[in-house]
Amino acid sequence: MKYILIILLIILIFTIIKIFTLPMRILIKLAVNSAIGLLALIIVNAIGQNFDFSIAINPITVIIAGVLGVPGIVFLAIYTYYFV
């Protein structure tokens, strides 16, 4: 009886760890992608200075660039050029 309780406790601990690590992986991936998106926006703004063009760097544009990647940066550039 004692061994069954220990085994069930170990299974419960592993289940709880699994439940909490999955959202952390998603948040870490979002943070890394957002950092890469921020770097890409900085590069676009550095090149765009020669052409009097810049994309505002704020949390929304960084997340768009991070999640969507290159198509997101192209979208932000087109949006900024035509609508801002």
PDB file of N, CA and C in Angstrom:
ATOM      1  N   MET A   1       0.830  -1.193   0.000  1.00  0.00           N
ATOM      2  CA  MET A   1       0.000   0.000   0.000  1.00  0.00           C
ATOM      3  C   MET A   1       0.877   1.261   0.000  1.00  0.00           C
ATOM      4  N   LYS A   2       1.946   1.215   0.776  1.00  0.00           N
ATOM      5  CA  LYS A   2       2.828   2.375   0.878  1.00  0.00           C
ATOM      6  C   LYS A   2       3.525   2.645  -0.455  1.00  0.00           C
ATOM      7  N   TYR A   3       3.917   1.587  -1.156  1.00  0.00           N
ATOM      8  CA  TYR A   3       4.604   1.748  -2.440  1.00  0.00           C
ATOM      9  C   TYR A   3       3.676   2.303  -3.518  1.00  0.00           C
ATOM     10  N   ILE A   4       2.441   1.899  -3.493  1.00  0.00           N
ATOM     11  CA  ILE A   4       1.460   2.414  -4.457  1.00  0.00           C
ATOM     12  C   ILE A   4       1.257   3.911  -4.251  1.00  0.00           C
ATOM     13  N   LEU A   5       1.193   4.336  -3.012  1.00  0.00           N
ATOM     14  CA  LEU A   5       1.037   5.752  -2.707  1.00  0.00           C
ATOM     15  C   LEU A   5       2.242   6.561  -3.198  1.00  0.00           C
ATOM     16  N   ILE A   6       3.431   6.024  -3.027  1.00  0.00           N
ATOM     17  CA  ILE A   6       4.653   6.699  -3.484  1.00  0.00           C
ATOM     18  C   ILE A   6       4.652   6.795  -5.011  1.00  0.00           C
ATOM     19  N   ILE A   7       4.276   5.723  -5.680  1.00  0.00           N
ATOM     20  CA  ILE A   7       4.229   5.726  -7.144  1.00  0.00           C
ATOM     21  C   ILE A   7       3.202   6.736  -7.639  1.00  0.00           C
ATOM     22  N   LEU A   8       2.027   6.775  -7.014  1.00  0.00           N
ATOM     23  CA  LEU A   8       0.999   7.744  -7.404  1.00  0.00           C
ATOM     24  C   LEU A   8       1.464   9.181  -7.155  1.00  0.00           C
ATOM     25  N   LEU A   9       2.181   9.401  -6.090  1.00  0.00           N
ATOM     26  CA  LEU A   9       2.719  10.734  -5.792  1.00  0.00           C
ATOM     27  C   LEU A   9       3.751  11.162  -6.835  1.00  0.00           C
ATOM     28  N   ILE A  10       4.609  10.236  -7.241  1.00  0.00           N
ATOM     29  CA  ILE A  10       5.605  10.537  -8.276  1.00  0.00           C
ATOM     30  C   ILE A  10       4.917  10.846  -9.604  1.00  0.00           C
ATOM     31  N   ILE A  11       3.902  10.082  -9.958  1.00  0.00           N
ATOM     32  CA  ILE A  11       3.150  10.345 -11.191  1.00  0.00           C
ATOM     33  C   ILE A  11       2.479  11.715 -11.115  1.00  0.00           C
ATOM     34  N   LEU A  12       1.919  12.067  -9.968  1.00  0.00           N
ATOM     35  CA  LEU A  12       1.279  13.360  -9.790  1.00  0.00           C
ATOM     36  C   LEU A  12       2.285  14.502  -9.922  1.00  0.00           C
ATOM     37  N   ILE A  13       3.464  14.338  -9.371  1.00  0.00           N
ATOM     38  CA  ILE A  13       4.498  15.375  -9.464  1.00  0.00           C
ATOM     39  C   ILE A  13       4.921  15.564 -10.916  1.00  0.00           C
ATOM     40  N   PHE A  14       5.152  14.484 -11.655  1.00  0.00           N
ATOM     41  CA  PHE A  14       5.534  14.596 -13.060  1.00  0.00           C
ATOM     42  C   PHE A  14       4.422  15.233 -13.896  1.00  0.00           C
ATOM     43  N   THR A  15       3.180  14.926 -13.577  1.00  0.00           N
ATOM     44  CA  THR A  15       2.055  15.523 -14.301  1.00  0.00           C
ATOM     45  C   THR A  15       1.992  17.025 -14.056  1.00  0.00           C
ATOM     46  N   ILE A  16       2.169  17.441 -12.836  1.00  0.00           N
ATOM     47  CA  ILE A  16       2.153  18.873 -12.515  1.00  0.00           C
ATOM     48  C   ILE A  16       3.310  19.590 -13.202  1.00  0.00           C
ATOM     49  N   ILE A  17       4.486  18.992 -13.209  1.00  0.00           N
ATOM     50  CA  ILE A  17       5.634  19.594 -13.891  1.00  0.00           C
ATOM     51  C   ILE A  17       5.348  19.723 -15.384  1.00  0.00           C
ATOM     52  N   LYS A  18       4.758  18.715 -15.991  1.00  0.00           N
ATOM     53  CA  LYS A  18       4.427  18.746 -17.419  1.00  0.00           C
ATOM     54  C   LYS A  18       3.410  19.840 -17.718  1.00  0.00           C
ATOM     55  N   ILE A  19       2.432  20.020 -16.853  1.00  0.00           N
ATOM     56  CA  ILE A  19       1.406  21.044 -17.061  1.00  0.00           C
ATOM     57  C   ILE A  19       2.013  22.439 -17.033  1.00  0.00           C
ATOM     58  N   PHE A  20       2.977  22.689 -16.158  1.00  0.00           N
ATOM     59  CA  PHE A  20       3.555  24.027 -16.031  1.00  0.00           C
ATOM     60  C   PHE A  20       4.685  24.310 -17.012  1.00  0.00           C
ATOM     61  N   THR A  21       5.346  23.279 -17.539  1.00  0.00           N
ATOM     62  CA  THR A  21       6.458  23.540 -18.448  1.00  0.00           C
ATOM     63  C   THR A  21       5.997  23.867 -19.859  1.00  0.00           C
ATOM     64  N   LEU A  22       4.858  23.373 -20.298  1.00  0.00           N
ATOM     65  CA  LEU A  22       4.382  23.655 -21.646  1.00  0.00           C
ATOM     66  C   LEU A  22       4.088  25.142 -21.854  1.00  0.00           C
ATOM     67  N   PRO A  23       3.355  25.819 -20.975  1.00  0.00           N
ATOM     68  CA  PRO A  23       3.153  27.260 -21.170  1.00  0.00           C
ATOM     69  C   PRO A  23       4.459  28.054 -21.078  1.00  0.00           C
ATOM     70  N   MET A  24       5.395  27.608 -20.264  1.00  0.00           N
ATOM     71  CA  MET A  24       6.672  28.309 -20.164  1.00  0.00           C
ATOM     72  C   MET A  24       7.446  28.206 -21.469  1.00  0.00           C
ATOM     73  N   ARG A  25       7.386  27.069 -22.124  1.00  0.00           N
ATOM     74  CA  ARG A  25       8.052  26.915 -23.424  1.00  0.00           C
ATOM     75  C   ARG A  25       7.456  27.879 -24.441  1.00  0.00           C
ATOM     76  N   ILE A  26       6.146  28.018 -24.439  1.00  0.00           N
ATOM     77  CA  ILE A  26       5.489  28.922 -25.379  1.00  0.00           C
ATOM     78  C   ILE A  26       5.890  30.363 -25.084  1.00  0.00           C
ATOM     79  N   LEU A  27       5.927  30.748 -23.816  1.00  0.00           N
ATOM     80  CA  LEU A  27       6.327  32.110 -23.458  1.00  0.00           C
ATOM     81  C   LEU A  27       7.790  32.381 -23.800  1.00  0.00           C
ATOM     82  N   ILE A  28       8.648  31.403 -23.583  1.00  0.00           N
ATOM     83  CA  ILE A  28      10.063  31.578 -23.923  1.00  0.00           C
ATOM     84  C   ILE A  28      10.228  31.706 -25.434  1.00  0.00           C
ATOM     85  N   LYS A  29       9.510  30.906 -26.205  1.00  0.00           N
ATOM     86  CA  LYS A  29       9.582  30.993 -27.662  1.00  0.00           C
ATOM     87  C   LYS A  29       9.080  32.354 -28.140  1.00  0.00           C
ATOM     88  N   LEU A  30       7.995  32.858 -27.546  1.00  0.00           N
ATOM     89  CA  LEU A  30       7.485  34.178 -27.910  1.00  0.00           C
ATOM     90  C   LEU A  30       8.497  35.262 -27.574  1.00  0.00           C
ATOM     91  N   ALA A  31       9.162  35.150 -26.433  1.00  0.00           N
ATOM     92  CA  ALA A  31      10.160  36.150 -26.041  1.00  0.00           C
ATOM     93  C   ALA A  31      11.359  36.135 -26.989  1.00  0.00           C
ATOM     94  N   VAL A  32      11.819  34.949 -27.363  1.00  0.00           N
ATOM     95  CA  VAL A  32      12.954  34.852 -28.286  1.00  0.00           C
ATOM     96  C   VAL A  32      12.572  35.405 -29.654  1.00  0.00           C
ATOM     97  N   ASN A  33      11.399  35.032 -30.152  1.00  0.00           N
ATOM     98  CA  ASN A  33      10.952  35.550 -31.451  1.00  0.00           C
ATOM     99  C   ASN A  33      10.760  37.059 -31.417  1.00  0.00           C
ATOM    100  N   SER A  34      10.270  37.588 -30.307  1.00  0.00           N
ATOM    101  CA  SER A  34      10.099  39.029 -30.186  1.00  0.00           C
ATOM    102  C   SER A  34      11.448  39.745 -30.166  1.00  0.00           C
ATOM    103  N   ALA A  35      12.440  39.142 -29.523  1.00  0.00           N
ATOM    104  CA  ALA A  35      13.783  39.734 -29.520  1.00  0.00           C
ATOM    105  C   ALA A  35      14.368  39.756 -30.927  1.00  0.00           C
ATOM    106  N   ILE A  36      14.158  38.691 -31.678  1.00  0.00           N
ATOM    107  CA  ILE A  36      14.620  38.651 -33.069  1.00  0.00           C
ATOM    108  C   ILE A  36      13.853  39.676 -33.906  1.00  0.00           C
ATOM    109  N   GLY A  37      12.549  39.814 -33.657  1.00  0.00           N
ATOM    110  CA  GLY A  37      11.750  40.820 -34.359  1.00  0.00           C
ATOM    111  C   GLY A  37      12.219  42.230 -34.040  1.00  0.00           C
ATOM    112  N   LEU A  38      12.584  42.476 -32.795  1.00  0.00           N
ATOM    113  CA  LEU A  38      13.109  43.787 -32.412  1.00  0.00           C
ATOM    114  C   LEU A  38      14.412  44.076 -33.146  1.00  0.00           C
ATOM    115  N   LEU A  39      15.283  43.094 -33.210  1.00  0.00           N
ATOM    116  CA  LEU A  39      16.543  43.262 -33.934  1.00  0.00           C
ATOM    117  C   LEU A  39      16.292  43.544 -35.412  1.00  0.00           C
ATOM    118  N   ALA A  40      15.333  42.831 -35.997  1.00  0.00           N
ATOM    119  CA  ALA A  40      15.007  43.058 -37.406  1.00  0.00           C
ATOM    120  C   ALA A  40      14.438  44.463 -37.619  1.00  0.00           C
ATOM    121  N   LEU A  41      13.609  44.938 -36.711  1.00  0.00           N
ATOM    122  CA  LEU A  41      13.066  46.292 -36.830  1.00  0.00           C
ATOM    123  C   LEU A  41      14.164  47.345 -36.702  1.00  0.00           C
ATOM    124  N   ILE A  42      15.110  47.108 -35.833  1.00  0.00           N
ATOM    125  CA  ILE A  42      16.227  48.045 -35.685  1.00  0.00           C
ATOM    126  C   ILE A  42      17.044  48.090 -36.976  1.00  0.00           C
ATOM    127  N   ILE A  43      17.255  46.928 -37.584  1.00  0.00           N
ATOM    128  CA  ILE A  43      18.003  46.888 -38.848  1.00  0.00           C
ATOM    129  C   ILE A  43      17.227  47.599 -39.954  1.00  0.00           C
ATOM    130  N   VAL A  44      15.914  47.358 -40.035  1.00  0.00           N
ATOM    131  CA  VAL A  44      15.095  48.033 -41.052  1.00  0.00           C
ATOM    132  C   VAL A  44      15.128  49.542 -40.832  1.00  0.00           C
ATOM    133  N   ASN A  45      15.053  49.983 -39.594  1.00  0.00           N
ATOM    134  CA  ASN A  45      15.101  51.418 -39.315  1.00  0.00           C
ATOM    135  C   ASN A  45      16.472  52.010 -39.635  1.00  0.00           C
ATOM    136  N   ALA A  46      17.538  51.256 -39.402  1.00  0.00           N
ATOM    137  CA  ALA A  46      18.874  51.749 -39.719  1.00  0.00           C
ATOM    138  C   ALA A  46      19.040  51.917 -41.230  1.00  0.00           C
ATOM    139  N   ILE A  47      18.541  50.969 -41.990  1.00  0.00           N
ATOM    140  CA  ILE A  47      18.613  51.074 -43.452  1.00  0.00           C
ATOM    141  C   ILE A  47      17.631  52.138 -43.952  1.00  0.00           C
ATOM    142  N   GLY A  48      16.475  52.217 -43.330  1.00  0.00           N
ATOM    143  CA  GLY A  48      15.452  53.174 -43.753  1.00  0.00           C
ATOM    144  C   GLY A  48      15.803  54.626 -43.494  1.00  0.00           C
ATOM    145  N   GLN A  49      16.760  54.890 -42.617  1.00  0.00           N
ATOM    146  CA  GLN A  49      17.171  56.272 -42.363  1.00  0.00           C
ATOM    147  C   GLN A  49      17.700  56.927 -43.634  1.00  0.00           C
ATOM    148  N   ASN A  50      18.318  56.162 -44.492  1.00  0.00           N
ATOM    149  CA  ASN A  50      18.826  56.706 -45.748  1.00  0.00           C
ATOM    150  C   ASN A  50      17.701  57.153 -46.673  1.00  0.00           C
ATOM    151  N   PHE A  51      16.526  56.588 -46.507  1.00  0.00           N
ATOM    152  CA  PHE A  51      15.390  56.882 -47.371  1.00  0.00           C
ATOM    153  C   PHE A  51      14.279  57.641 -46.645  1.00  0.00           C
ATOM    154  N   ASP A  52      14.588  58.199 -45.475  1.00  0.00           N
ATOM    155  CA  ASP A  52      13.614  58.911 -44.646  1.00  0.00           C
ATOM    156  C   ASP A  52      12.394  58.026 -44.340  1.00  0.00           C
ATOM    157  N   PHE A  53      12.667  56.802 -43.896  1.00  0.00           N
ATOM    158  CA  PHE A  53      11.636  55.818 -43.594  1.00  0.00           C
ATOM    159  C   PHE A  53      11.959  55.153 -42.265  1.00  0.00           C
ATOM    160  N   SER A  54      10.955  55.012 -41.422  1.00  0.00           N
ATOM    161  CA  SER A  54      11.158  54.294 -40.167  1.00  0.00           C
ATOM    162  C   SER A  54       9.844  53.670 -39.713  1.00  0.00           C
ATOM    163  N   ILE A  55       9.976  52.568 -39.006  1.00  0.00           N
ATOM    164  CA  ILE A  55       8.835  51.873 -38.419  1.00  0.00           C
ATOM    165  C   ILE A  55       8.921  52.101 -36.918  1.00  0.00           C
ATOM    166  N   ALA A  56       7.816  52.512 -36.326  1.00  0.00           N
ATOM    167  CA  ALA A  56       7.793  52.742 -34.882  1.00  0.00           C
ATOM    168  C   ALA A  56       8.074  51.433 -34.152  1.00  0.00           C
ATOM    169  N   ILE A  57       8.906  51.519 -33.136  1.00  0.00           N
ATOM    170  CA  ILE A  57       9.218  50.333 -32.333  1.00  0.00           C
ATOM    171  C   ILE A  57       8.445  50.442 -31.027  1.00  0.00           C
ATOM    172  N   ASN A  58       7.431  49.597 -30.902  1.00  0.00           N
ATOM    173  CA  ASN A  58       6.633  49.495 -29.688  1.00  0.00           C
ATOM    174  C   ASN A  58       6.281  48.026 -29.485  1.00  0.00           C
ATOM    175  N   PRO A  59       5.681  47.661 -28.373  1.00  0.00           N
ATOM    176  CA  PRO A  59       5.417  46.232 -28.126  1.00  0.00           C
ATOM    177  C   PRO A  59       4.580  45.554 -29.213  1.00  0.00           C
ATOM    178  N   ILE A  60       3.631  46.254 -29.793  1.00  0.00           N
ATOM    179  CA  ILE A  60       2.779  45.641 -30.822  1.00  0.00           C
ATOM    180  C   ILE A  60       3.585  45.320 -32.076  1.00  0.00           C
ATOM    181  N   THR A  61       4.388  46.280 -32.556  1.00  0.00           N
ATOM    182  CA  THR A  61       5.170  46.027 -33.769  1.00  0.00           C
ATOM    183  C   THR A  61       6.245  44.970 -33.529  1.00  0.00           C
ATOM    184  N   VAL A  62       6.801  44.943 -32.337  1.00  0.00           N
ATOM    185  CA  VAL A  62       7.816  43.925 -32.026  1.00  0.00           C
ATOM    186  C   VAL A  62       7.184  42.539 -32.021  1.00  0.00           C
ATOM    187  N   ILE A  63       6.007  42.395 -31.443  1.00  0.00           N
ATOM    188  CA  ILE A  63       5.335  41.094 -31.420  1.00  0.00           C
ATOM    189  C   ILE A  63       4.914  40.679 -32.824  1.00  0.00           C
ATOM    190  N   ILE A  64       4.412  41.627 -33.634  1.00  0.00           N
ATOM    191  CA  ILE A  64       4.042  41.306 -35.022  1.00  0.00           C
ATOM    192  C   ILE A  64       5.267  40.829 -35.788  1.00  0.00           C
ATOM    193  N   ALA A  65       6.378  41.550 -35.658  1.00  0.00           N
ATOM    194  CA  ALA A  65       7.599  41.156 -36.355  1.00  0.00           C
ATOM    195  C   ALA A  65       8.132  39.832 -35.818  1.00  0.00           C
ATOM    196  N   GLY A  66       7.998  39.600 -34.537  1.00  0.00           N
ATOM    197  CA  GLY A  66       8.497  38.360 -33.946  1.00  0.00           C
ATOM    198  C   GLY A  66       7.670  37.149 -34.305  1.00  0.00           C
ATOM    199  N   VAL A  67       6.365  37.289 -34.289  1.00  0.00           N
ATOM    200  CA  VAL A  67       5.489  36.152 -34.552  1.00  0.00           C
ATOM    201  C   VAL A  67       5.416  35.851 -36.049  1.00  0.00           C
ATOM    202  N   LEU A  68       5.280  36.883 -36.875  1.00  0.00           N
ATOM    203  CA  LEU A  68       5.110  36.665 -38.307  1.00  0.00           C
ATOM    204  C   LEU A  68       6.427  36.596 -39.081  1.00  0.00           C
ATOM    205  N   GLY A  69       7.502  37.101 -38.491  1.00  0.00           N
ATOM    206  CA  GLY A  69       8.803  37.046 -39.158  1.00  0.00           C
ATOM    207  C   GLY A  69       8.920  38.064 -40.275  1.00  0.00           C
ATOM    208  N   VAL A  70       9.546  37.653 -41.371  1.00  0.00           N
ATOM    209  CA  VAL A  70       9.767  38.551 -42.509  1.00  0.00           C
ATOM    210  C   VAL A  70       8.449  39.064 -43.102  1.00  0.00           C
ATOM    211  N   PRO A  71       7.427  38.223 -43.295  1.00  0.00           N
ATOM    212  CA  PRO A  71       6.158  38.772 -43.794  1.00  0.00           C
ATOM    213  C   PRO A  71       5.565  39.832 -42.857  1.00  0.00           C
ATOM    214  N   GLY A  72       5.775  39.691 -41.572  1.00  0.00           N
ATOM    215  CA  GLY A  72       5.295  40.688 -40.623  1.00  0.00           C
ATOM    216  C   GLY A  72       6.018  42.014 -40.781  1.00  0.00           C
ATOM    217  N   ILE A  73       7.331  41.954 -41.031  1.00  0.00           N
ATOM    218  CA  ILE A  73       8.098  43.177 -41.230  1.00  0.00           C
ATOM    219  C   ILE A  73       7.685  43.842 -42.539  1.00  0.00           C
ATOM    220  N   VAL A  74       7.457  43.044 -43.577  1.00  0.00           N
ATOM    221  CA  VAL A  74       6.983  43.596 -44.854  1.00  0.00           C
ATOM    222  C   VAL A  74       5.619  44.246 -44.660  1.00  0.00           C
ATOM    223  N   PHE A  75       4.736  43.592 -43.921  1.00  0.00           N
ATOM    224  CA  PHE A  75       3.426  44.172 -43.633  1.00  0.00           C
ATOM    225  C   PHE A  75       3.558  45.501 -42.902  1.00  0.00           C
ATOM    226  N   LEU A  76       4.412  45.548 -41.885  1.00  0.00           N
ATOM    227  CA  LEU A  76       4.606  46.785 -41.130  1.00  0.00           C
ATOM    228  C   LEU A  76       5.190  47.882 -42.016  1.00  0.00           C
ATOM    229  N   ALA A  77       6.092  47.529 -42.907  1.00  0.00           N
ATOM    230  CA  ALA A  77       6.691  48.519 -43.809  1.00  0.00           C
ATOM    231  C   ALA A  77       5.639  49.069 -44.770  1.00  0.00           C
ATOM    232  N   ILE A  78       4.834  48.200 -45.346  1.00  0.00           N
ATOM    233  CA  ILE A  78       3.781  48.659 -46.260  1.00  0.00           C
ATOM    234  C   ILE A  78       2.751  49.494 -45.522  1.00  0.00           C
ATOM    235  N   TYR A  79       2.355  49.044 -44.349  1.00  0.00           N
ATOM    236  CA  TYR A  79       1.376  49.788 -43.551  1.00  0.00           C
ATOM    237  C   TYR A  79       1.917  51.169 -43.198  1.00  0.00           C
ATOM    238  N   THR A  80       3.177  51.228 -42.778  1.00  0.00           N
ATOM    239  CA  THR A  80       3.777  52.507 -42.410  1.00  0.00           C
ATOM    240  C   THR A  80       3.902  53.425 -43.618  1.00  0.00           C
ATOM    241  N   TYR A  81       4.274  52.863 -44.761  1.00  0.00           N
ATOM    242  CA  TYR A  81       4.484  53.679 -45.955  1.00  0.00           C
ATOM    243  C   TYR A  81       3.168  54.275 -46.459  1.00  0.00           C
ATOM    244  N   TYR A  82       2.093  53.487 -46.473  1.00  0.00           N
ATOM    245  CA  TYR A  82       0.844  53.953 -47.046  1.00  0.00           C
ATOM    246  C   TYR A  82      -0.119  54.615 -46.057  1.00  0.00           C
ATOM    247  N   PHE A  83      -0.111  54.204 -44.802  1.00  0.00           N
ATOM    248  CA  PHE A  83      -1.145  54.669 -43.887  1.00  0.00           C
ATOM    249  C   PHE A  83      -0.660  55.561 -42.769  1.00  0.00           C
ATOM    250  N   VAL A  84       0.640  55.686 -42.572  1.00  0.00           N
ATOM    251  CA  VAL A  84       1.123  56.508 -41.458  1.00  0.00           C
ATOM    252  C   VAL A  84       1.826  57.721 -42.014  1.00  0.00           C
TER     253      VAL A  84
END
